[in-house]
């Protein structure tokens, strides 16, 4: 009898729990379904008018690039107008952003005119920042997935670039930022690196204390004009690649799309004119990072060597060639030039052209600085593992440029294995964003390169 009573109590308890849990499960399912059920908005004046206006523009055709999303995307027409005109004005781009929109609203718009009669090359999707509190990462990611699937079904020839939700709130402890971070982890898995790609550039908007930079995100959410310019700059590499635009790395050109680039170039020229230069490091943002993440390591290894950092963020081979022809090495005769360049060309140039561009840099240095030895570094690994497509391109480039070494004035060193695990996976402790070195990464770099630097500079 006692056993029977215990069974009855257990059954009653189970039933009670079921009564409590079923509504919660049903609610979660209802919320999840609402995220992917197309619906218009009636809570914002002008929403329908904007939707109809954009649809009218699309009916005119001639669209190569679409930006789809919420307030961040719509902001290209306000704070981002100058950057939009510079980066997308000639690319037949259309802005499909509406402030406050969530996935269900975007899905409704895509079903009601926003994709009619067009066949763009690329769709940039920035969605998820306007959900506010109460939504889970799983729900937001489900909505983004539904939008991606809709885009792929309606625009089968277009590539889709999913951009990670930008950071918001004062710190990493902000609940909303934590939701967005988890959401980004989920939506990153939508990428197949063929039709669908993912790009997270949130770290570029954070200061060293992990708060949003006030010059880029003054209210810790929306972008300033400078913020939109930074967004355009960091998206440009992916946009150029996915739209099928290619560049010739052997043709010297300045990076004219970036206003600050010329100022940085001139500041390097001013330093070189001061003379007293025994060591130069030439490259892109990875080299430029010696002034930031690698600052303390630089002081330790190069502070007393009359070293000059000639790295500029975003540079590609052709930009370095232009700088070498326009003042970066005028009037100096260093003992050693260290060259690390090419990763930014991986997605924008043909594979066979990248080594030729790097060869042109080496030859330019040998011609302009005949007494200077050149240490050519293999392009660093990037991405999370050996399957990363850009890493695979860089590895092939490294195989070819290693042959440029003559053992007399040109030398080659590949320290890539020092920056990744034995299985090729990447740690953010070493490469903070799977591309740029963290302080530990710069320490590994300096230590791995030190014996050859000392020998080539005649210190041994």
Protein backbone atom coordinates (compact mmCIF):
# COMPACT_ATOMS: atom_id res chain seq x y z
CA UNK A 1 0.00 0.00 0.00
CA UNK A 2 2.81 2.39 0.88
CA UNK A 3 4.54 1.69 -2.43
CA UNK A 4 1.28 2.42 -4.24
CA UNK A 5 0.90 5.73 -2.39
CA UNK A 6 4.49 6.69 -3.32
CA UNK A 7 3.72 5.94 -6.96
CA UNK A 8 0.61 8.05 -6.79
CA UNK A 9 2.54 10.95 -5.24
CA UNK A 10 5.22 10.69 -7.92
CA UNK A 11 2.59 10.64 -10.64
CA UNK A 12 0.88 13.68 -9.14
CA UNK A 13 4.18 15.53 -8.89
CA UNK A 14 5.02 14.68 -12.47
CA UNK A 15 1.64 15.90 -13.63
CA UNK A 16 2.06 19.11 -11.67
CA UNK A 17 5.46 19.71 -13.23
CA UNK A 18 4.02 19.01 -16.65
CA UNK A 19 1.25 21.54 -16.05
CA UNK A 20 3.87 24.14 -15.10
CA UNK A 21 6.32 23.36 -17.89
CA UNK A 22 3.96 22.95 -20.81
CA UNK A 23 2.90 26.61 -20.90
CA UNK A 24 6.55 27.69 -20.73
CA UNK A 25 7.48 25.37 -23.60
CA UNK A 26 4.49 26.52 -25.59
CA UNK A 27 5.40 30.14 -24.95
CA UNK A 28 8.98 29.57 -26.08
CA UNK A 29 7.73 27.85 -29.22
CA UNK A 30 5.30 30.68 -29.86
CA UNK A 31 8.04 33.27 -29.42
CA UNK A 32 10.37 31.33 -31.70
CA UNK A 33 7.68 30.97 -34.36
CA UNK A 34 6.88 34.70 -34.15
CA UNK A 35 10.49 35.43 -35.03
CA UNK A 36 10.19 33.64 -38.35
CA UNK A 37 6.53 34.40 -39.17
CA UNK A 38 6.54 37.30 -41.70
CA UNK A 39 4.67 40.31 -40.36
CA UNK A 40 4.48 44.03 -41.21
CA UNK A 41 4.91 46.72 -38.61
CA UNK A 42 2.21 49.10 -37.46
CA UNK A 43 4.05 50.63 -34.52
CA UNK A 44 6.14 53.12 -36.46
CA UNK A 45 4.86 56.00 -38.55
CA UNK A 46 6.33 55.98 -42.01
CA UNK A 47 7.28 52.29 -42.02
CA UNK A 48 4.92 51.38 -44.86
CA UNK A 49 5.88 54.47 -46.83
CA UNK A 50 9.58 53.65 -46.57
CA UNK A 51 8.96 50.04 -47.56
CA UNK A 52 6.97 51.10 -50.61
CA UNK A 53 9.57 53.71 -51.56
CA UNK A 54 12.40 51.19 -51.48
CA UNK A 55 10.32 48.68 -53.43
CA UNK A 56 9.70 51.33 -56.11
CA UNK A 57 13.44 51.90 -56.42
CA UNK A 58 14.06 48.17 -56.78
CA UNK A 59 11.50 47.91 -59.57
CA UNK A 60 13.78 50.15 -61.61
CA UNK A 61 16.37 47.34 -61.60
CA UNK A 62 20.12 47.81 -62.06
CA UNK A 63 21.02 46.65 -58.53
CA UNK A 64 24.34 44.95 -57.78
CA UNK A 65 24.55 45.33 -54.00
CA UNK A 66 21.88 45.19 -51.29
CA UNK A 67 22.16 46.12 -47.62
CA UNK A 68 19.36 44.48 -45.61
CA UNK A 69 18.68 45.08 -41.94
CA UNK A 70 17.56 47.39 -39.17
CA UNK A 71 18.55 50.81 -37.81
CA UNK A 72 22.28 50.30 -38.37
CA UNK A 73 21.64 49.72 -42.07
CA UNK A 74 19.15 52.57 -42.39
CA UNK A 75 21.74 54.82 -40.75
CA UNK A 76 23.82 54.74 -43.94
CA UNK A 77 21.37 57.40 -45.16
CA UNK A 78 22.05 59.68 -42.20
CA UNK A 79 25.38 59.52 -40.34
CA UNK A 80 26.71 57.08 -42.91
CA UNK A 81 25.86 59.06 -46.05
CA UNK A 82 29.38 60.25 -46.77
CA UNK A 83 30.84 56.77 -46.32
CA UNK A 84 28.02 55.26 -48.40
CA UNK A 85 28.66 57.64 -51.28
CA UNK A 86 32.39 56.92 -51.21
CA UNK A 87 32.27 53.14 -50.91
CA UNK A 88 28.97 52.19 -52.53
CA UNK A 89 27.94 55.12 -54.71
CA UNK A 90 29.35 53.51 -57.85
CA UNK A 91 28.38 49.97 -56.95
CA UNK A 92 24.66 50.21 -57.75
CA UNK A 93 23.82 49.71 -54.09
CA UNK A 94 20.39 49.94 -52.44
CA UNK A 95 19.68 50.35 -48.73
CA UNK A 96 16.89 48.08 -47.41
CA UNK A 97 17.31 49.01 -43.75
CA UNK A 98 14.43 50.15 -41.51
CA UNK A 99 15.07 51.13 -37.92
CA UNK A 100 13.55 48.81 -35.33
CA UNK A 101 12.98 45.94 -37.73
CA UNK A 102 13.35 42.37 -36.59
CA UNK A 103 13.55 39.22 -38.68
CA UNK A 104 9.79 38.83 -39.05
CA UNK A 105 9.50 42.35 -40.45
CA UNK A 106 12.39 41.86 -42.86
CA UNK A 107 10.87 38.56 -44.00
CA UNK A 108 7.57 40.30 -44.72
CA UNK A 109 9.34 43.00 -46.73
CA UNK A 110 11.26 40.41 -48.74
CA UNK A 111 7.93 38.77 -49.61
CA UNK A 112 6.28 42.05 -50.58
CA UNK A 113 8.44 43.77 -53.15
CA UNK A 114 11.94 44.13 -51.69
CA UNK A 115 13.37 41.40 -53.91
CA UNK A 116 11.25 41.73 -57.02
CA UNK A 117 12.92 42.00 -60.44
CA UNK A 118 16.49 42.19 -59.18
CA UNK A 119 19.53 39.91 -59.24
CA UNK A 120 22.27 41.51 -57.14
CA UNK A 121 25.75 40.09 -56.83
CA UNK A 122 25.83 40.48 -53.06
CA UNK A 123 23.46 40.98 -50.11
CA UNK A 124 24.96 42.33 -46.88
CA UNK A 125 22.75 41.35 -43.93
CA UNK A 126 23.04 43.27 -40.65
CA UNK A 127 20.23 42.21 -38.34
CA UNK A 128 19.63 41.48 -34.67
CA UNK A 129 20.66 44.67 -32.91
CA UNK A 130 17.12 46.00 -32.53
CA UNK A 131 15.61 43.07 -30.63
CA UNK A 132 16.05 44.59 -27.19
CA UNK A 133 15.58 42.63 -23.97
CA UNK A 134 13.45 39.53 -23.74
CA UNK A 135 14.74 37.74 -26.83
CA UNK A 136 17.11 34.81 -26.55
CA UNK A 137 20.16 34.24 -28.77
CA UNK A 138 18.46 31.15 -30.17
CA UNK A 139 15.39 33.13 -31.21
CA UNK A 140 17.39 35.92 -32.82
CA UNK A 141 19.60 33.42 -34.64
CA UNK A 142 16.53 31.54 -35.86
CA UNK A 143 15.21 34.75 -37.37
CA UNK A 144 18.51 35.50 -39.09
CA UNK A 145 18.61 31.96 -40.45
CA UNK A 146 15.11 32.39 -41.88
CA UNK A 147 16.14 35.62 -43.62
CA UNK A 148 19.25 33.99 -45.07
CA UNK A 149 17.20 31.06 -46.35
CA UNK A 150 14.69 33.46 -47.90
CA UNK A 151 17.47 35.39 -49.63
CA UNK A 152 19.03 32.22 -50.97
CA UNK A 153 15.69 30.96 -52.27
CA UNK A 154 14.66 34.23 -53.91
CA UNK A 155 18.13 35.32 -55.09
CA UNK A 156 19.95 32.07 -55.92
CA UNK A 157 22.77 33.83 -57.79
CA UNK A 158 23.55 36.32 -55.02
CA UNK A 159 26.10 35.75 -52.30
CA UNK A 160 25.08 36.65 -48.75
CA UNK A 161 27.43 38.29 -46.25
CA UNK A 162 26.10 38.01 -42.69
CA UNK A 163 27.70 40.64 -40.46
CA UNK A 164 27.96 39.96 -36.74
CA UNK A 165 25.84 42.15 -34.46
CA UNK A 166 27.93 45.12 -33.34
CA UNK A 167 28.75 45.44 -29.62
CA UNK A 168 26.53 47.64 -27.46
CA UNK A 169 26.41 48.63 -23.82
CA UNK A 170 29.28 49.84 -21.63
CA UNK A 171 31.15 46.54 -21.19
CA UNK A 172 31.28 42.82 -21.89
CA UNK A 173 29.12 42.33 -18.78
CA UNK A 174 26.20 44.18 -20.34
CA UNK A 175 23.34 41.64 -20.63
CA UNK A 176 22.38 42.79 -24.10
CA UNK A 177 25.95 42.51 -25.35
CA UNK A 178 26.16 39.01 -23.91
CA UNK A 179 23.03 38.04 -25.84
CA UNK A 180 24.49 39.52 -29.02
CA UNK A 181 27.80 37.74 -28.50
CA UNK A 182 26.05 34.39 -28.12
CA UNK A 183 23.87 35.19 -31.13
CA UNK A 184 26.97 35.89 -33.20
CA UNK A 185 28.36 32.49 -32.26
CA UNK A 186 25.18 30.90 -33.58
CA UNK A 187 24.81 32.88 -36.80
CA UNK A 188 28.48 32.39 -37.67
CA UNK A 189 27.55 28.76 -38.29
CA UNK A 190 25.27 29.81 -41.15
CA UNK A 191 28.33 30.41 -43.31
CA UNK A 192 29.31 27.79 -45.84
CA UNK A 193 32.03 30.06 -47.31
CA UNK A 194 30.47 29.58 -50.71
CA UNK A 195 27.07 31.19 -51.03
CA UNK A 196 26.88 32.42 -47.43
CA UNK A 197 29.72 34.16 -45.59
CA UNK A 198 30.12 35.58 -42.08
CA UNK A 199 32.15 38.55 -40.91
CA UNK A 200 32.44 39.81 -37.32
CA UNK A 201 34.13 43.20 -37.01
CA UNK A 202 32.77 44.16 -33.61
CA UNK A 203 36.20 44.30 -31.97
CA UNK A 204 37.16 47.29 -34.14
CA UNK A 205 34.52 49.38 -32.38
CA UNK A 206 35.80 48.71 -28.85
CA UNK A 207 38.35 50.64 -26.82
CA UNK A 208 40.98 48.91 -24.70
CA UNK A 209 38.56 48.78 -21.74
CA UNK A 210 36.05 46.92 -23.99
CA UNK A 211 33.63 49.85 -23.97
CA UNK A 212 32.45 51.11 -27.37
CA UNK A 213 34.68 53.85 -28.73
CA UNK A 214 32.92 57.16 -28.21
CA UNK A 215 34.12 58.51 -31.53
CA UNK A 216 32.54 55.55 -33.34
CA UNK A 217 29.49 54.74 -31.17
CA UNK A 218 28.69 57.83 -29.07
CA UNK A 219 25.52 56.33 -27.53
CA UNK A 220 27.01 52.82 -27.26
CA UNK A 221 24.68 51.60 -29.99
CA UNK A 222 24.33 53.82 -33.08
CA UNK A 223 27.26 54.73 -35.29
CA UNK A 224 28.69 58.20 -35.80
CA UNK A 225 29.85 59.37 -39.26
CA UNK A 226 33.32 58.15 -38.30
CA UNK A 227 31.77 54.86 -37.16
CA UNK A 228 30.17 54.30 -40.53
CA UNK A 229 33.43 55.08 -42.27
CA UNK A 230 35.15 52.48 -40.08
CA UNK A 231 32.37 50.00 -40.86
CA UNK A 232 32.76 50.59 -44.60
CA UNK A 233 36.54 50.25 -44.42
CA UNK A 234 36.41 46.94 -42.58
CA UNK A 235 33.66 45.54 -44.81
CA UNK A 236 35.31 46.63 -48.03
CA UNK A 237 37.66 43.68 -48.36
CA UNK A 238 34.80 41.16 -48.16
CA UNK A 239 32.46 43.24 -50.32
CA UNK A 240 35.09 43.61 -53.03
CA UNK A 241 35.81 39.89 -53.04
CA UNK A 242 32.23 38.66 -52.96
CA UNK A 243 31.21 41.04 -55.73
CA UNK A 244 33.92 39.57 -57.91
CA UNK A 245 36.01 42.72 -58.06
CA UNK A 246 39.72 42.05 -58.48
CA UNK A 247 42.87 44.14 -58.15
CA UNK A 248 46.32 43.98 -59.72
CA UNK A 249 48.85 43.73 -56.86
CA UNK A 250 51.76 44.68 -59.12
CA UNK A 251 50.30 48.08 -60.03
CA UNK A 252 51.29 50.66 -57.36
CA UNK A 253 48.26 52.61 -56.10
CA UNK A 254 47.48 54.53 -52.91
CA UNK A 255 44.62 53.44 -50.70
CA UNK A 256 42.61 56.48 -51.74
CA UNK A 257 39.30 55.25 -50.31
CA UNK A 258 40.53 55.89 -46.76
CA UNK A 259 40.98 59.53 -45.75
CA UNK A 260 43.30 58.78 -42.84
CA UNK A 261 45.60 56.62 -44.97
CA UNK A 262 47.43 59.56 -46.55
CA UNK A 263 47.95 61.19 -43.16
CA UNK A 264 49.51 57.98 -41.86
CA UNK A 265 51.69 57.72 -44.97
CA UNK A 266 52.91 61.30 -44.55
CA UNK A 267 53.69 60.72 -40.86
CA UNK A 268 55.91 57.77 -41.85
CA UNK A 269 57.67 59.93 -44.41
CA UNK A 270 58.28 62.57 -41.76
CA UNK A 271 59.87 60.00 -39.45
CA UNK A 272 62.09 58.62 -42.22
CA UNK A 273 63.31 62.12 -43.09
CA UNK A 274 64.72 62.40 -39.58
CA UNK A 275 67.23 59.67 -40.50
CA UNK A 276 68.92 57.35 -38.01
CA UNK A 277 67.12 54.26 -39.35
CA UNK A 278 68.77 50.83 -39.07
CA UNK A 279 65.73 48.57 -39.19
CA UNK A 280 62.41 48.91 -41.00
CA UNK A 281 59.35 46.67 -40.76
CA UNK A 282 57.06 46.93 -43.78
CA UNK A 283 53.51 45.64 -43.96
CA UNK A 284 49.81 46.06 -43.25
CA UNK A 285 47.71 46.12 -40.06
CA UNK A 286 49.60 43.15 -38.64
CA UNK A 287 52.82 45.16 -38.77
CA UNK A 288 51.05 48.38 -37.79
CA UNK A 289 49.92 46.54 -34.65
CA UNK A 290 53.43 46.85 -33.20
CA UNK A 291 52.29 50.36 -32.23
CA UNK A 292 49.35 49.00 -30.25
CA UNK A 293 49.05 45.37 -29.13
CA UNK A 294 52.77 44.85 -29.69
CA UNK A 295 53.99 48.08 -28.14
CA UNK A 296 55.72 46.61 -25.10
CA UNK A 297 57.34 43.83 -27.12
CA UNK A 298 58.58 46.43 -29.64
CA UNK A 299 60.27 48.40 -26.86
CA UNK A 300 62.03 45.28 -25.63
CA UNK A 301 63.31 44.01 -28.98
CA UNK A 302 63.56 47.07 -31.20
CA UNK A 303 63.58 50.11 -28.94
CA UNK A 304 67.37 50.48 -29.16
CA UNK A 305 67.80 49.40 -32.75
CA UNK A 306 66.71 52.61 -34.49
CA UNK A 307 63.71 50.75 -35.85
CA UNK A 308 60.83 52.30 -37.80
CA UNK A 309 57.41 50.71 -38.21
CA UNK A 310 56.25 51.16 -41.82
CA UNK A 311 53.04 49.20 -41.44
CA UNK A 312 49.66 50.71 -42.35
CA UNK A 313 46.35 49.03 -41.64
CA UNK A 314 44.34 47.76 -44.62
CA UNK A 315 47.35 47.87 -46.94
CA UNK A 316 47.67 45.47 -49.79
CA UNK A 317 50.74 44.79 -51.88
CA UNK A 318 50.01 47.51 -54.40
CA UNK A 319 49.62 50.10 -51.62
CA UNK A 320 53.02 49.21 -50.16
CA UNK A 321 54.59 49.52 -53.60
CA UNK A 322 53.12 52.99 -53.93
CA UNK A 323 54.45 54.01 -50.51
CA UNK A 324 57.94 52.80 -51.36
CA UNK A 325 57.82 55.02 -54.44
CA UNK A 326 56.51 58.02 -52.53
CA UNK A 327 58.82 58.68 -49.63
CA UNK A 328 58.76 55.74 -47.20
CA UNK A 329 62.36 54.77 -47.93
CA UNK A 330 63.80 58.04 -49.26
CA UNK A 331 67.20 59.07 -47.92
CA UNK A 332 67.81 56.06 -45.68
CA UNK A 333 70.01 52.99 -45.82
CA UNK A 334 68.90 50.59 -43.10
CA UNK A 335 70.75 47.40 -42.32
CA UNK A 336 67.61 45.29 -42.58
CA UNK A 337 64.09 45.49 -44.01
CA UNK A 338 61.52 43.00 -42.70
CA UNK A 339 58.57 42.47 -45.06
CA UNK A 340 55.23 40.88 -44.14
CA UNK A 341 52.49 41.53 -46.67
CA UNK A 342 49.85 39.77 -48.75
CA UNK A 343 47.05 38.55 -46.50
CA UNK A 344 44.76 41.38 -47.59
CA UNK A 345 45.29 40.34 -51.21
CA UNK A 346 44.15 36.77 -50.60
CA UNK A 347 40.53 37.67 -51.21
CA UNK A 348 41.03 40.39 -53.82
CA UNK A 349 43.74 39.19 -56.21
CA UNK A 350 44.39 36.11 -58.27
CA UNK A 351 46.59 33.54 -56.53
CA UNK A 352 49.29 33.66 -59.16
CA UNK A 353 49.48 37.46 -58.99
CA UNK A 354 50.13 37.73 -55.24
CA UNK A 355 53.66 36.25 -55.30
CA UNK A 356 54.52 38.50 -58.24
CA UNK A 357 53.41 41.52 -56.27
CA UNK A 358 55.56 40.48 -53.31
CA UNK A 359 58.47 39.89 -55.70
CA UNK A 360 57.99 43.47 -56.93
CA UNK A 361 58.34 44.76 -53.34
CA UNK A 362 61.54 42.77 -52.81
CA UNK A 363 62.97 44.02 -56.10
CA UNK A 364 62.00 47.60 -55.28
CA UNK A 365 63.82 47.37 -51.96
CA UNK A 366 66.89 45.84 -53.58
CA UNK A 367 66.98 48.60 -56.18
CA UNK A 368 66.30 51.53 -53.88
CA UNK A 369 68.25 50.20 -50.88
CA UNK A 370 71.14 48.20 -52.39
CA UNK A 371 73.00 47.87 -49.06
CA UNK A 372 69.94 46.70 -47.14
CA UNK A 373 69.28 43.04 -46.52
CA UNK A 374 65.68 41.89 -46.88
CA UNK A 375 63.98 39.41 -44.56
CA UNK A 376 60.78 38.22 -46.22
CA UNK A 377 58.31 36.62 -43.81
CA UNK A 378 55.77 34.01 -44.78
CA UNK A 379 52.22 35.30 -44.54
CA UNK A 380 50.82 34.47 -41.10
CA UNK A 381 48.06 31.86 -40.68
CA UNK A 382 44.53 33.20 -40.42
CA UNK A 383 41.09 31.79 -39.68
CA UNK A 384 40.20 29.19 -37.09
CA UNK A 385 41.97 26.22 -38.69
CA UNK A 386 43.67 24.81 -41.77
CA UNK A 387 40.33 24.65 -43.61
CA UNK A 388 40.09 28.44 -43.79
CA UNK A 389 40.07 29.31 -47.53
CA UNK A 390 42.22 32.42 -47.14
CA UNK A 391 44.79 30.50 -45.10
CA UNK A 392 45.00 27.93 -47.85
CA UNK A 393 45.67 30.67 -50.40
CA UNK A 394 48.32 32.21 -48.17
CA UNK A 395 50.02 28.84 -47.73
CA UNK A 396 50.30 28.47 -51.49
CA UNK A 397 51.70 31.99 -51.75
CA UNK A 398 54.28 31.17 -49.08
CA UNK A 399 55.45 28.15 -51.04
CA UNK A 400 56.23 30.42 -53.98
CA UNK A 401 57.74 33.41 -52.22
CA UNK A 402 60.09 31.19 -50.21
CA UNK A 403 62.01 30.75 -53.48
CA UNK A 404 62.84 34.46 -53.64
CA UNK A 405 65.56 34.02 -51.02
CA UNK A 406 69.12 34.00 -52.38
CA UNK A 407 70.89 33.54 -49.04
CA UNK A 408 72.98 36.67 -49.62
CA UNK A 409 70.76 39.74 -49.58
CA UNK A 410 67.27 38.22 -49.50
CA UNK A 411 66.20 35.77 -46.81
CA UNK A 412 62.96 33.96 -46.01
CA UNK A 413 61.43 32.96 -42.67
CA UNK A 414 58.06 31.32 -41.98
CA UNK A 415 57.03 31.40 -38.31
CA UNK A 416 53.42 30.38 -38.94
CA UNK A 417 53.72 27.14 -36.99
CA UNK A 418 54.65 29.12 -33.89
CA UNK A 419 51.34 30.99 -34.02
CA UNK A 420 48.95 28.02 -34.14
CA UNK A 421 48.48 24.71 -32.34
CA UNK A 422 49.91 21.47 -33.70
CA UNK A 423 46.61 20.71 -35.44
CA UNK A 424 46.52 24.14 -37.05
CA UNK A 425 43.80 25.62 -34.86
CA UNK A 426 44.10 29.23 -33.80
CA UNK A 427 43.90 30.65 -30.29
CA UNK A 428 42.57 34.16 -29.68
CA UNK A 429 45.22 34.43 -26.97
CA UNK A 430 47.75 34.55 -29.81
CA UNK A 431 45.71 35.86 -32.76
CA UNK A 432 43.02 37.94 -31.08
CA UNK A 433 40.58 37.92 -34.01
CA UNK A 434 42.04 34.90 -35.83
CA UNK A 435 44.12 37.31 -37.93
CA UNK A 436 45.84 40.04 -35.92
CA UNK A 437 48.30 39.13 -33.14
CA UNK A 438 47.48 39.71 -29.51
CA UNK A 439 50.34 40.81 -27.21
CA UNK A 440 51.34 37.17 -26.79
CA UNK A 441 51.35 36.78 -30.56
CA UNK A 442 53.74 39.71 -30.96
CA UNK A 443 56.02 38.21 -28.33
CA UNK A 444 56.09 34.90 -30.21
CA UNK A 445 56.80 36.74 -33.45
CA UNK A 446 59.69 38.74 -32.02
CA UNK A 447 61.30 35.79 -30.30
CA UNK A 448 61.00 33.55 -33.36
CA UNK A 449 62.51 36.21 -35.62
CA UNK A 450 65.20 37.44 -33.23
CA UNK A 451 68.09 35.10 -34.15
CA UNK A 452 67.83 35.97 -37.83
CA UNK A 453 67.33 39.70 -37.16
CA UNK A 454 70.44 39.80 -34.99
CA UNK A 455 72.49 37.94 -37.57
CA UNK A 456 71.35 39.98 -40.56
CA UNK A 457 71.94 43.25 -38.71
CA UNK A 458 75.51 42.14 -37.99
CA UNK A 459 75.05 41.96 -34.23
CA UNK A 460 76.45 38.45 -33.89
